[in-house]
């Protein structure tokens, strides 16, 4: 039997009308109160945009650029890409 496993996420959010051009959008991660296996990833950019929230799997992130982590704001596009850490079995 095969199981589907989430390996990571890629978010590309377009903010064409930011009022404060120098302000970079931010993200925050908080665990869900009802289920500890999930977390809420919230993006905040400021006016005229409201916050965007996603319910994602709550696992440890791989922060190395080599492994695919990207947190970048360029050309009015906020990119957040990450993979989860893989723990391999070793004897």
Protein backbone atom coordinates (compact mmCIF):
# COMPACT_ATOMS: atom_id res chain seq x y z
CA UNK A 1 0.00 0.00 0.00
CA UNK A 2 1.36 3.44 -0.96
CA UNK A 3 0.76 6.62 1.00
CA UNK A 4 0.80 10.15 -0.29
CA UNK A 5 3.20 12.40 1.60
CA UNK A 6 3.48 16.17 1.33
CA UNK A 7 7.11 17.02 0.54
CA UNK A 8 6.80 20.82 0.55
CA UNK A 9 4.92 23.85 -0.75
CA UNK A 10 5.39 26.62 -3.30
CA UNK A 11 3.56 29.92 -2.90
CA UNK A 12 3.74 32.67 -5.55
CA UNK A 13 1.59 35.66 -4.55
CA UNK A 14 1.23 38.68 -6.82
CA UNK A 15 0.88 42.11 -5.18
CA UNK A 16 0.59 44.65 -8.06
CA UNK A 17 -0.92 47.57 -6.09
CA UNK A 18 1.12 47.87 -2.88
CA UNK A 19 0.82 51.40 -1.46
CA UNK A 20 4.15 51.26 0.41
CA UNK A 21 6.59 50.09 -2.26
CA UNK A 22 9.46 49.71 0.19
CA UNK A 23 7.52 47.44 2.55
CA UNK A 24 8.12 43.73 1.97
CA UNK A 25 5.27 41.25 2.52
CA UNK A 26 5.75 38.94 5.50
CA UNK A 27 4.63 35.48 6.54
CA UNK A 28 3.94 33.92 9.93
CA UNK A 29 3.41 30.32 10.97
CA UNK A 30 1.23 29.30 13.93
CA UNK A 31 0.10 25.80 14.93
CA UNK A 32 -3.62 25.03 14.70
CA UNK A 33 -5.43 24.97 18.02
CA UNK A 34 -7.70 22.05 17.09
CA UNK A 35 -5.13 19.75 15.42
CA UNK A 36 -1.35 19.86 16.14
CA UNK A 37 -0.58 18.06 12.84
CA UNK A 38 -1.48 21.22 10.92
CA UNK A 39 -0.40 24.86 11.02
CA UNK A 40 -1.72 28.14 9.62
CA UNK A 41 0.61 29.99 7.26
CA UNK A 42 -0.46 33.65 7.04
CA UNK A 43 0.78 36.21 4.50
CA UNK A 44 0.60 39.91 5.38
CA UNK A 45 1.38 42.66 2.85
CA UNK A 46 -0.45 45.73 4.14
CA UNK A 47 -2.92 48.03 2.43
CA UNK A 48 -4.84 47.61 0.15
CA UNK A 49 -4.51 43.82 0.65
CA UNK A 50 -6.03 41.64 3.33
CA UNK A 51 -4.13 38.77 4.88
CA UNK A 52 -4.13 35.39 3.14
CA UNK A 53 -4.00 32.20 5.22
CA UNK A 54 -3.38 28.57 4.29
CA UNK A 55 -3.69 25.44 6.40
CA UNK A 56 -0.56 23.36 5.82
CA UNK A 57 1.13 20.30 7.31
CA UNK A 58 3.06 21.13 10.49
CA UNK A 59 6.54 19.68 9.94
CA UNK A 60 10.09 21.03 10.16
CA UNK A 61 11.27 23.06 7.15
CA UNK A 62 14.51 22.66 5.24
CA UNK A 63 16.00 26.18 5.11
CA UNK A 64 18.96 25.57 2.82
CA UNK A 65 18.97 27.23 -0.59
CA UNK A 66 20.45 24.04 -2.05
CA UNK A 67 17.39 22.07 -0.94
CA UNK A 68 14.97 24.51 -2.57
CA UNK A 69 14.15 27.12 0.08
CA UNK A 70 13.22 30.50 -1.37
CA UNK A 71 11.72 33.54 0.31
CA UNK A 72 11.91 36.36 -2.20
CA UNK A 73 10.01 39.54 -3.15
CA UNK A 74 10.80 40.82 -6.63
CA UNK A 75 8.70 42.41 -9.40
CA UNK A 76 5.68 42.55 -7.04
CA UNK A 77 5.71 38.76 -6.63
CA UNK A 78 6.29 37.24 -3.19
CA UNK A 79 7.71 33.73 -3.47
CA UNK A 80 7.88 31.29 -0.58
CA UNK A 81 9.11 27.83 -1.52
CA UNK A 82 10.18 25.20 0.96
CA UNK A 83 10.55 21.47 1.40
CA UNK A 84 10.20 19.54 4.62
CA UNK A 85 13.17 17.86 6.27
CA UNK A 86 13.48 14.20 5.45
CA UNK A 87 14.45 11.82 8.19
CA UNK A 88 15.86 8.66 6.74
CA UNK A 89 16.12 5.40 8.62
CA UNK A 90 19.69 4.31 9.33
CA UNK A 91 20.95 1.26 11.15
